[in-house]
Amino acid sequence: MSNVTLATQTRVVKGKKVKNLRRDGIVPIVVYGRDLSDALSLQVGNKELQKALREAGRSSLIEMKIDGRKSHLVLARTVDRHPTRNNILHADFLAINVNRPVQAVIPIRLIGESPLAASKTAVLRQVLEQVNVEGLPNALPEMISVDVTPLERIGQTIAVGDVKLADGLKIITDHKAQIARLNPPRRLAEKKEEEEEAEAEAGNE
């Protein structure tokens, strides 16, 4: 897992005054962790933070440099964005120890092709976009690839419990949760729904 570098500065502005920072394109951030005696109040340029989060996501380590000197390896935890402008208002990061397991949100990518979906006789639906994984920071994958080729009949699913990860990694998400499912085409689903409604009406007569 490649590291991303982010240059930050110590933040002295706090409370309601941080809105002045945001006006100038600066984002207030906080770094916390059990190896830190106190949480660190920092600030960083919005564009630089956006770039780092785009490259690292929630699973890749970020080497956060503070005032050009001391640095910490961190994982993004909470990112608050403006509801319409999408710029970052605040972010929290966890300072990690590479020798201690951590939990991270890992995106899921579907690969392969279901024969039924390829022939348009079924619709492949991705139910789950990400899972929570625990492991050593440097062992966390950037992405989990799930092969949907084995899906060969309508109603068949792939669950979290079907995913196999490398030794030392553990999925925390409910193993019964569905990742992908083969649904009938809309026209067939609508027809089945109509038939069920007709049967229900007949039974009430």
Foldseek 3Di string as FASTA:
>chain_A
DDEAEFEKEADPDDDPVCVVVVVVQKEWEWEDEPVDPDITIIIGGQVRVVVRCVVQPQQAWYWYHYPNDDTFTWGWDDWDADPPPRTTHYTYIYGDDQVDKDKTKAFEDEDEDAPCVVVVQWPKDFPDGIFIKIARSVQDDNYFYDYPHPPHDAFDFQFLLNGDDDPRMDTPPDRRHTGMGIHGPPVVVVVVVVVVVVVVVVVVD
